[in-house]
Amino acid sequence: MLLRPSAYLALPLFSIPLLSGCSGLGQGSGFKELSLTAETFSKIDTYYIDSPNYEKLRLGALSGLSKALPAGSFNVTESQNRIMIRYSTGENPDAEKIFTSPVDKGRALSDVSDAYRLARQLSPSIDPPRLERAMLKSAVVSLDPDADFLEPEENVWSVSMGGGIGVEIAIREGKIVVVRPLDDSPARTAGIRPGDRIESIDDVPVEGRSLVEVVRMLRGPRGSSVRLRIGRDSWPEIRSMTLQRAVVRNQSVSFRFLQSGIGVISIRSFDSTTARDLDQALNEAEARRSPGLILDLRQNSGGTLNGAVAVAGRFLDPGHLVVYTVGRARTESRRYLTEGGKPPTKILLVIIVDRSTQAGAEVLAATMQEEKRAIIVGSRTFGHSIIHGLFSLSDGSAIKLIVARWFTASGQSVDGKGLEPNVEVKREPVDYFAIGDIERDTYLQRAVETLGN
């Protein structure tokens, strides 16, 4: 399973196995010059969760060409089911080219190829591969806010962020939003909170940029400074703050025991080691004869689906259906069952959730709730039930697409509505520095009370 980037992009979801190679149109299809474009369109046509809107893809590609060329030399406008390119040549300063609708994949590729050749003629000095990738990036992003095209140097998902500020981010309603600041990070020290909006980085606006672009802007040499403009709903105006980049480590699992002996386990994300890290906490809880466990899934934005299923297996018998996925591609419709091994723990379990609980964390909470293995305490979760796939392309670049939606064993979906807890805690302004403090954390207090009852 592919992990979500340790660069803390927080693709707020899961990833699936990396697929490579080109299926679909090849060089014999008349698009030899744009083989990467044909390869990309073929991946989208095969794996994207919905039937692709090729009119949007075509417009996105042409807009990408316009941005890559000198300003004013290649102007793209859309009106009345047609796209017009206005450009100038030595013979005709007011030349134009028109593309009409409807559009299927073949027509879209043909139109994009024509526009690309025109762009090459207008700016022959531009590097062709760079021009094609700029075109594809704009095309892929046009599908939906979660889609992305990664340059070859960006398609490295296992590399640490290095010098950064330690935040997980996501795109919500076109805005770059903080999912959570990591513990012991410059972002947390500066007071950045989940839900904060990053408006600009070093005075460069970030709205409309991809997550990969924003993460690249946040990176820098360790010890260097980065200036952010941050928006928060409770603030009357946007505030500026300067942070010093540092190397930040993301710890998936942490645990401690209250004076009562109750174990409090926090899981911040799911990856290939989360379940093994959890075993240490479970072993200590059993050795202490703990009266119960509280699993805190707040500020958990997901990770890998396999990681979430493996954690469920620590509480459910082997062979239990945890979740299934449905995709347009047959290969993306799968069933995920718990595996055998050590017998699952029978310790009483309460799970804490809130609005920042997403994706894999919602899978785990919903499954435990359905099986009556845990009582869910908190407020309604985020409601994110889509799965991403990362597909490598022949030149080393990659595209990220939504490839499936997940459902619990009973067919429940949380998409857009979230998971309703068994015991609701009134939502109120949260002091994020109070999370885990039994004296100030009302969610934790209610969880302890519920476990005692």
Protein backbone atom coordinates (compact mmCIF):
# COMPACT_ATOMS: atom_id res chain seq x y z
CA MET A 1 0.00 0.00 0.00
CA LEU A 2 1.23 3.47 -0.79
CA LEU A 3 1.53 5.73 2.21
CA ARG A 4 0.25 9.24 2.11
CA PRO A 5 3.18 11.63 1.84
CA SER A 6 5.30 12.08 4.92
CA ALA A 7 5.59 15.63 3.65
CA TYR A 8 2.27 16.09 5.47
CA LEU A 9 0.17 16.88 2.44
CA ALA A 10 -2.67 15.17 4.21
CA LEU A 11 -4.42 14.01 1.17
CA PRO A 12 -7.15 13.54 3.54
CA LEU A 13 -7.69 9.98 2.59
CA PHE A 14 -6.15 6.70 1.67
CA SER A 15 -3.83 5.60 -1.07
CA ILE A 16 -3.86 2.40 -3.09
CA PRO A 17 -1.14 0.28 -4.74
CA LEU A 18 1.06 2.13 -7.18
CA LEU A 19 0.19 1.24 -10.75
CA SER A 20 2.56 1.84 -13.61
CA GLY A 21 2.82 1.35 -17.34
CA CYS A 22 0.63 2.66 -20.13
CA SER A 23 -2.69 1.09 -20.97
CA GLY A 24 -4.79 2.43 -23.78
CA LEU A 25 -3.67 4.68 -26.62
CA GLY A 26 -0.15 4.06 -27.84
CA GLN A 27 2.15 5.57 -30.40
CA GLY A 28 0.20 3.98 -33.18
CA SER A 29 -2.85 6.10 -32.33
CA GLY A 30 -1.58 9.18 -34.10
CA PHE A 31 -0.44 10.95 -30.94
CA LYS A 32 3.23 9.96 -30.93
CA GLU A 33 4.28 13.51 -30.14
CA LEU A 34 1.96 13.58 -27.13
CA SER A 35 2.35 10.02 -25.88
CA LEU A 36 2.34 11.23 -22.25
CA THR A 37 -0.97 13.02 -22.86
CA ALA A 38 -2.48 9.88 -24.40
CA GLU A 39 -1.18 7.85 -21.45
CA THR A 40 -2.67 10.30 -18.95
CA PHE A 41 -6.06 10.41 -20.63
CA SER A 42 -6.09 6.62 -20.75
CA LYS A 43 -5.43 6.35 -17.00
CA ILE A 44 -8.22 8.83 -16.33
CA ASP A 45 -10.59 7.00 -18.66
CA THR A 46 -9.86 3.67 -16.94
CA TYR A 47 -9.55 4.52 -13.25
CA TYR A 48 -11.24 7.83 -12.42
CA ILE A 49 -14.24 7.32 -10.14
CA ASP A 50 -16.71 8.99 -12.50
CA SER A 51 -17.01 9.05 -16.27
CA PRO A 52 -14.50 11.77 -17.23
CA ASN A 53 -15.81 15.10 -18.47
CA TYR A 54 -13.65 15.50 -21.54
CA GLU A 55 -14.89 19.01 -22.19
CA LYS A 56 -13.43 20.02 -18.82
CA LEU A 57 -10.23 18.11 -19.54
CA ARG A 58 -9.86 19.79 -22.92
CA LEU A 59 -10.48 23.25 -21.48
CA GLY A 60 -8.06 22.54 -18.63
CA ALA A 61 -5.35 21.46 -21.07
CA LEU A 62 -5.78 24.55 -23.26
CA SER A 63 -5.75 26.79 -20.20
CA GLY A 64 -2.48 25.15 -19.15
CA LEU A 65 -0.96 25.99 -22.53
CA SER A 66 -2.11 29.58 -22.17
CA LYS A 67 -0.40 29.89 -18.77
CA ALA A 68 2.83 28.32 -20.04
CA LEU A 69 3.19 30.67 -23.02
CA PRO A 70 4.13 34.37 -22.88
CA ALA A 71 1.27 36.52 -21.60
CA GLY A 72 -1.20 37.52 -24.31
CA SER A 73 0.19 35.22 -26.99
CA PHE A 74 -2.35 32.40 -26.55
CA ASN A 75 -5.68 33.55 -25.11
CA VAL A 76 -8.35 30.94 -24.33
CA THR A 77 -12.02 31.84 -23.87
CA GLU A 78 -15.11 29.64 -23.50
CA SER A 79 -18.66 30.54 -24.51
CA GLN A 80 -21.75 28.89 -25.99
CA ASN A 81 -20.36 25.35 -26.02
CA ARG A 82 -17.19 26.30 -27.79
CA ILE A 83 -13.61 27.26 -26.98
CA MET A 84 -11.79 29.99 -28.87
CA ILE A 85 -8.03 30.50 -28.99
CA ARG A 86 -6.93 33.97 -30.05
CA TYR A 87 -3.31 34.42 -31.11
CA SER A 88 -1.24 36.48 -33.49
CA THR A 89 1.15 35.61 -36.28
CA GLY A 90 3.27 37.78 -38.52
CA GLU A 91 0.62 37.54 -41.21
CA ASN A 92 -2.46 37.74 -39.03
CA PRO A 93 -2.38 39.63 -35.71
CA ASP A 94 -5.98 38.59 -34.93
CA ALA A 95 -5.93 34.88 -35.75
CA GLU A 96 -8.27 32.51 -33.97
CA LYS A 97 -8.95 28.79 -33.67
CA ILE A 98 -12.29 27.38 -32.53
CA PHE A 99 -13.09 24.04 -30.90
CA THR A 100 -16.72 22.95 -30.60
CA SER A 101 -18.67 20.46 -28.47
CA PRO A 102 -19.64 17.69 -27.73
CA VAL A 103 -16.34 16.00 -26.89
CA ASP A 104 -15.32 12.39 -26.30
CA LYS A 105 -11.85 11.09 -25.48
CA GLY A 106 -10.72 10.82 -29.08
CA ARG A 107 -11.97 14.28 -29.96
CA ALA A 108 -10.41 15.76 -26.82
CA LEU A 109 -7.03 14.25 -27.65
CA SER A 110 -7.25 15.48 -31.22
CA ASP A 111 -8.15 19.04 -30.16
CA VAL A 112 -5.47 19.12 -27.48
CA SER A 113 -2.91 17.87 -30.02
CA ASP A 114 -3.87 20.65 -32.45
CA ALA A 115 -3.63 23.28 -29.73
CA TYR A 116 -0.27 21.93 -28.56
CA ARG A 117 1.19 22.11 -32.07
CA LEU A 118 -0.06 25.68 -32.37
CA ALA A 119 1.56 26.57 -29.05
CA ARG A 120 4.85 25.06 -30.24
CA GLN A 121 4.71 27.17 -33.39
CA LEU A 122 4.05 30.34 -31.41
CA SER A 123 6.83 29.68 -28.87
CA PRO A 124 9.35 27.26 -30.42
CA SER A 125 11.95 27.97 -27.72
CA ILE A 126 9.84 26.40 -24.93
CA ASP A 127 11.01 22.92 -23.92
CA PRO A 128 8.39 20.49 -25.37
CA PRO A 129 8.23 18.10 -22.37
CA ARG A 130 7.85 21.04 -19.99
CA LEU A 131 5.08 22.48 -22.15
CA GLU A 132 3.24 19.15 -22.27
CA ARG A 133 3.47 18.65 -18.51
CA ALA A 134 2.20 22.19 -17.88
CA MET A 135 -0.74 21.39 -20.14
CA LEU A 136 -1.41 18.08 -18.35
CA LYS A 137 -1.18 19.55 -14.87
CA SER A 138 -3.92 22.03 -15.69
CA ALA A 139 -6.00 19.32 -17.37
CA VAL A 140 -5.82 16.85 -14.47
CA VAL A 141 -6.54 19.48 -11.81
CA SER A 142 -9.67 20.46 -13.77
CA LEU A 143 -11.25 17.09 -12.88
CA ASP A 144 -11.76 17.97 -9.19
CA PRO A 145 -9.87 19.66 -6.34
CA ASP A 146 -8.37 16.36 -5.17
CA ALA A 147 -6.82 15.42 -8.52
CA ASP A 148 -3.23 16.39 -9.24
CA PHE A 149 -0.35 15.97 -11.66
CA LEU A 150 3.06 15.50 -10.07
CA GLU A 151 6.27 16.40 -11.86
CA PRO A 152 8.98 13.68 -11.81
CA GLU A 153 10.81 15.45 -8.97
CA GLU A 154 7.54 15.68 -6.99
CA ASN A 155 6.68 12.00 -7.41
CA VAL A 156 8.67 10.94 -4.34
CA TRP A 157 6.18 10.04 -1.61
CA SER A 158 8.54 8.50 0.92
CA VAL A 159 10.85 11.46 1.42
CA SER A 160 10.68 13.42 4.66
CA MET A 161 9.61 17.01 4.42
CA GLY A 162 13.01 18.07 5.76
CA GLY A 163 12.85 21.73 6.67
CA GLY A 164 9.18 22.56 7.15
CA ILE A 165 6.65 23.89 9.65
CA GLY A 166 4.93 20.59 10.51
CA VAL A 167 1.34 20.85 9.30
CA GLU A 168 -1.04 18.57 7.49
CA ILE A 169 -3.09 20.45 4.92
CA ALA A 170 -6.04 19.81 2.63
CA ILE A 171 -8.08 21.66 0.03
CA ARG A 172 -11.59 22.56 1.19
CA GLU A 173 -13.84 24.71 -0.95
CA GLY A 174 -10.82 25.89 -2.88
CA LYS A 175 -8.94 27.02 0.24
CA ILE A 176 -5.73 25.60 1.71
CA VAL A 177 -6.81 24.52 5.19
CA VAL A 178 -4.78 23.16 8.09
CA VAL A 179 -5.96 19.68 9.09
CA ARG A 180 -3.67 19.61 12.10
CA PRO A 181 -0.34 20.96 13.31
CA LEU A 182 2.03 18.19 14.33
CA ASP A 183 3.21 17.85 17.91
CA ASP A 184 6.41 19.73 18.75
CA SER A 185 6.33 21.57 15.42
CA PRO A 186 6.92 25.23 14.53
CA ALA A 187 3.27 25.43 13.45
CA ARG A 188 1.94 24.25 16.83
CA THR A 189 4.35 26.49 18.72
CA ALA A 190 3.14 29.46 16.65
CA GLY A 191 -0.47 28.70 17.61
CA ILE A 192 -1.71 27.43 14.23
CA ARG A 193 -4.86 25.33 14.68
CA PRO A 194 -6.93 22.85 12.66
CA GLY A 195 -9.27 24.75 10.37
CA ASP A 196 -6.94 27.72 9.91
CA ARG A 197 -6.66 28.91 6.30
CA ILE A 198 -3.27 29.55 4.74
CA GLU A 199 -3.81 32.63 2.57
CA SER A 200 -0.24 33.24 1.38
CA ILE A 201 3.31 32.00 1.80
CA ASP A 202 6.07 34.59 1.64
CA ASP A 203 3.50 37.02 0.21
CA VAL A 204 2.55 34.63 -2.63
CA PRO A 205 -1.22 33.78 -2.61
CA VAL A 206 -1.91 30.04 -2.48
CA GLU A 207 -5.58 29.89 -3.47
CA GLY A 208 -5.98 27.76 -6.59
CA ARG A 209 -2.64 26.00 -6.13
CA SER A 210 -2.31 22.25 -5.69
CA LEU A 211 -1.30 20.64 -2.41
CA VAL A 212 2.04 19.62 -3.90
CA GLU A 213 2.75 23.23 -4.89
CA VAL A 214 1.87 24.52 -1.43
CA VAL A 215 4.02 21.91 0.33
CA ARG A 216 6.93 22.84 -1.94
CA MET A 217 6.46 26.49 -0.95
CA LEU A 218 6.47 25.56 2.74
CA ARG A 219 9.68 23.57 2.42
CA GLY A 220 13.08 25.13 2.77
CA PRO A 221 16.45 24.85 4.47
CA ARG A 222 16.30 23.90 8.11
CA GLY A 223 16.43 27.06 10.21
CA SER A 224 15.21 29.33 7.43
CA SER A 225 12.16 31.55 7.90
CA VAL A 226 8.83 31.46 6.13
CA ARG A 227 6.13 34.13 6.40
CA LEU A 228 2.49 33.05 6.42
CA ARG A 229 -0.76 34.94 6.31
CA ILE A 230 -3.34 32.95 8.27
CA GLY A 231 -7.12 33.31 8.37
CA ARG A 232 -9.36 32.00 11.16
CA ASP A 233 -13.14 32.26 11.40
CA SER A 234 -12.94 33.79 14.87
CA TRP A 235 -10.44 36.46 13.81
CA PRO A 236 -11.69 39.81 12.48
CA GLU A 237 -8.84 39.95 9.96
CA ILE A 238 -6.02 37.88 8.48
CA ARG A 239 -2.86 37.73 10.59
CA SER A 240 0.78 37.44 9.55
CA MET A 241 3.26 35.21 11.34
CA THR A 242 6.85 34.21 10.67
CA LEU A 243 7.95 30.66 11.46
CA GLN A 244 11.37 29.04 11.46
CA ARG A 245 11.53 25.79 9.51
CA ALA A 246 12.64 22.64 11.32
CA VAL A 247 12.81 18.88 10.83
CA VAL A 248 9.51 17.54 12.18
CA ARG A 249 8.77 13.90 12.91
CA ASN A 250 5.22 12.58 12.68
CA GLN A 251 4.46 9.97 15.34
CA SER A 252 1.48 7.81 14.43
CA VAL A 253 0.64 6.36 17.87
CA SER A 254 1.10 7.73 21.38
CA PHE A 255 -0.34 6.42 24.64
CA ARG A 256 -0.43 7.03 28.36
CA PHE A 257 -2.40 5.88 31.40
CA LEU A 258 -4.60 7.98 33.65
CA GLN A 259 -4.45 7.61 37.43
CA SER A 260 -7.53 5.39 37.21
CA GLY A 261 -5.57 2.96 35.05
CA ILE A 262 -7.55 3.80 31.91
CA GLY A 263 -5.33 3.82 28.84
CA VAL A 264 -5.54 6.76 26.45
CA ILE A 265 -4.23 5.97 22.96
CA SER A 266 -4.00 8.65 20.27
CA ILE A 267 -3.70 7.63 16.62
CA ARG A 268 -2.90 10.56 14.32
CA SER A 269 -2.71 8.65 11.04
CA PHE A 270 -2.63 5.12 9.62
CA ASP A 271 0.33 3.55 7.89
CA SER A 272 2.05 0.18 7.62
CA THR A 273 3.45 0.37 11.18
CA THR A 274 0.46 1.80 13.07
CA ALA A 275 -1.00 -1.55 14.17
CA ARG A 276 2.40 -2.76 15.39
CA ASP A 277 2.91 0.48 17.30
CA LEU A 278 -0.56 0.00 18.81
CA ASP A 279 0.42 -3.47 20.03
CA GLN A 280 2.83 -1.95 22.53
CA ALA A 281 0.02 0.07 24.11
CA LEU A 282 -2.36 -2.91 24.14
CA ASN A 283 0.25 -5.19 25.71
CA GLU A 284 0.92 -2.69 28.49
CA ALA A 285 -2.83 -2.17 29.07
CA GLU A 286 -3.34 -5.92 29.48
CA ALA A 287 -0.32 -6.20 31.76
CA ARG A 288 -1.74 -3.42 33.94
CA ARG A 289 -5.21 -5.00 33.85
CA SER A 290 -6.53 -1.70 32.60
CA PRO A 291 -10.29 -1.24 33.18
CA GLY A 292 -10.68 0.19 29.70
CA LEU A 293 -9.16 2.01 26.76
CA ILE A 294 -9.92 5.36 25.15
CA LEU A 295 -8.91 5.56 21.51
CA ASP A 296 -8.57 9.22 20.51
CA LEU A 297 -9.09 9.71 16.76
CA ARG A 298 -9.35 13.49 16.78
CA GLN A 299 -7.13 15.27 14.28
CA ASN A 300 -6.70 11.98 12.40
CA SER A 301 -6.94 12.74 8.70
CA GLY A 302 -6.56 9.21 7.36
CA GLY A 303 -3.54 7.56 5.81
CA THR A 304 -3.63 4.10 4.27
CA LEU A 305 -6.75 1.98 4.20
CA ASN A 306 -4.76 -1.17 4.99
CA GLY A 307 -3.40 0.57 8.08
CA ALA A 308 -6.90 1.34 9.37
CA VAL A 309 -8.06 -2.24 8.69
CA ALA A 310 -5.03 -3.65 10.52
CA VAL A 311 -5.91 -1.56 13.59
CA ALA A 312 -9.50 -2.83 13.44
CA GLY A 313 -8.05 -6.33 13.51
CA ARG A 314 -6.66 -5.67 17.00
CA PHE A 315 -10.25 -5.43 18.28
CA LEU A 316 -12.22 -7.80 15.97
CA ASP A 317 -11.94 -11.50 15.19
CA PRO A 318 -10.01 -12.61 12.06
CA GLY A 319 -11.91 -12.69 8.78
CA HIS A 320 -14.22 -9.85 9.72
CA LEU A 321 -15.29 -7.56 6.87
CA VAL A 322 -14.26 -4.05 7.86
CA VAL A 323 -14.88 -2.06 4.69
CA TYR A 324 -15.40 -2.49 0.98
CA THR A 325 -14.66 -0.14 -1.89
CA VAL A 326 -16.55 0.55 -5.10
CA GLY A 327 -14.79 1.99 -8.12
CA ARG A 328 -15.57 2.39 -11.80
CA ALA A 329 -12.55 0.23 -12.61
CA ARG A 330 -13.13 -3.37 -11.65
CA THR A 331 -9.76 -3.56 -9.89
CA GLU A 332 -10.78 -0.80 -7.48
CA SER A 333 -13.78 -2.67 -6.05
CA ARG A 334 -12.36 -4.64 -3.13
CA ARG A 335 -13.22 -6.15 0.25
CA TYR A 336 -10.94 -5.59 3.27
CA LEU A 337 -11.02 -8.22 6.03
CA THR A 338 -9.18 -8.47 9.32
CA GLU A 339 -6.31 -10.94 9.32
CA GLY A 340 -5.38 -13.68 11.75
CA GLY A 341 -2.63 -13.52 14.35
CA LYS A 342 -2.75 -12.58 18.00
CA PRO A 343 -6.30 -12.89 19.45
CA PRO A 344 -8.00 -9.49 19.57
CA THR A 345 -8.10 -7.63 22.87
CA LYS A 346 -11.37 -7.75 24.81
CA ILE A 347 -10.68 -4.62 26.88
CA LEU A 348 -13.60 -2.19 27.02
CA LEU A 349 -13.22 0.50 24.36
CA VAL A 350 -14.44 4.07 23.90
CA ILE A 351 -13.49 6.06 20.82
CA ILE A 352 -13.32 9.86 20.70
CA VAL A 353 -14.12 11.60 17.39
CA ASP A 354 -14.81 15.13 16.19
CA ARG A 355 -14.97 17.20 13.02
CA SER A 356 -11.27 16.61 12.34
CA THR A 357 -11.74 12.80 12.28
CA GLN A 358 -11.57 11.76 8.64
CA ALA A 359 -11.32 8.90 6.17
CA GLY A 360 -9.44 5.93 7.70
CA ALA A 361 -10.34 7.15 11.18
CA GLU A 362 -14.00 7.21 10.13
CA VAL A 363 -13.66 3.67 8.76
CA LEU A 364 -12.36 2.46 12.11
CA ALA A 365 -14.92 4.34 14.22
CA ALA A 366 -17.86 3.34 12.01
CA THR A 367 -16.83 -0.32 12.07
CA MET A 368 -16.40 -0.39 15.85
CA GLN A 369 -19.78 1.31 16.22
CA GLU A 370 -21.59 -1.10 13.88
CA GLU A 371 -20.13 -4.13 15.61
CA LYS A 372 -20.93 -2.66 19.03
CA ARG A 373 -17.27 -3.14 19.91
CA ALA A 374 -16.91 0.46 21.08
CA ILE A 375 -18.98 3.44 22.13
CA ILE A 376 -18.29 6.52 20.05
CA VAL A 377 -18.03 9.77 22.02
CA GLY A 378 -17.68 13.28 20.61
CA SER A 379 -19.14 15.24 17.72
CA ARG A 380 -20.01 14.36 14.13
CA THR A 381 -16.98 13.45 12.01
CA PHE A 382 -15.83 15.12 8.80
CA GLY A 383 -17.52 12.81 6.27
CA HIS A 384 -14.86 11.80 3.75
CA SER A 385 -15.25 8.45 1.98
CA ILE A 386 -13.13 8.66 -1.15
CA ILE A 387 -9.96 6.77 -2.02
CA HIS A 388 -7.06 8.08 -4.03
CA GLY A 389 -4.81 6.25 -6.44
CA LEU A 390 -1.33 7.38 -7.46
CA PHE A 391 -0.37 6.32 -10.98
CA SER A 392 3.19 6.62 -12.25
CA LEU A 393 3.63 7.67 -15.87
CA SER A 394 6.35 6.67 -18.32
CA ASP A 395 8.45 9.83 -17.85
CA GLY A 396 8.57 9.56 -14.04
CA SER A 397 5.69 11.96 -13.39
CA ALA A 398 2.44 10.76 -11.81
CA ILE A 399 -1.24 11.60 -11.51
CA LYS A 400 -3.38 11.39 -8.39
CA LEU A 401 -7.03 10.51 -8.94
CA ILE A 402 -10.10 9.59 -6.93
CA VAL A 403 -10.58 5.93 -7.84
CA ALA A 404 -13.17 4.57 -5.39
CA ARG A 405 -15.54 5.23 -2.50
CA TRP A 406 -15.64 3.14 0.66
CA PHE A 407 -18.57 1.68 2.59
CA THR A 408 -18.81 -0.13 5.92
CA ALA A 409 -19.79 -3.79 6.07
CA SER A 410 -23.47 -2.83 6.36
CA GLY A 411 -23.24 -0.50 3.35
CA GLN A 412 -23.02 2.72 5.35
CA SER A 413 -21.36 5.77 3.80
CA VAL A 414 -20.28 8.83 5.76
CA ASP A 415 -19.63 10.94 2.67
CA GLY A 416 -20.77 14.51 3.16
CA LYS A 417 -22.54 13.81 6.44
CA GLY A 418 -20.02 12.25 8.78
CA LEU A 419 -20.47 9.64 11.50
CA GLU A 420 -22.85 10.42 14.37
CA PRO A 421 -21.42 9.48 17.79
CA ASN A 422 -23.33 7.40 20.36
CA VAL A 423 -22.61 10.00 23.03
CA GLU A 424 -22.58 13.55 21.76
CA VAL A 425 -20.37 16.24 23.22
CA LYS A 426 -21.56 19.76 22.56
CA ARG A 427 -19.31 21.42 20.02
CA GLU A 428 -17.62 24.48 21.41
CA PRO A 429 -14.48 26.51 20.69
CA VAL A 430 -11.64 24.05 21.19
CA ASP A 431 -8.43 24.85 23.00
CA TYR A 432 -6.19 22.56 20.96
CA PHE A 433 -3.45 22.80 23.54
CA ALA A 434 -5.89 21.34 26.09
CA ILE A 435 -6.46 18.12 24.13
CA GLY A 436 -5.47 15.21 26.36
CA ASP A 437 -5.59 17.27 29.56
CA ILE A 438 -8.13 15.50 31.79
CA GLU A 439 -8.79 18.77 33.64
CA ARG A 440 -9.68 20.81 30.53
CA ASP A 441 -10.55 18.40 27.70
CA THR A 442 -14.35 17.96 27.78
CA TYR A 443 -14.27 15.20 25.14
CA LEU A 444 -11.80 13.18 27.21
CA GLN A 445 -13.82 13.80 30.36
CA ARG A 446 -16.98 12.48 28.69
CA ALA A 447 -15.09 9.46 27.39
CA VAL A 448 -13.86 8.59 30.88
CA GLU A 449 -17.38 9.04 32.24
CA THR A 450 -18.84 6.81 29.50
CA LEU A 451 -16.25 4.11 30.11
CA GLY A 452 -17.02 4.17 33.82
CA ASN A 453 -20.72 3.70 33.12
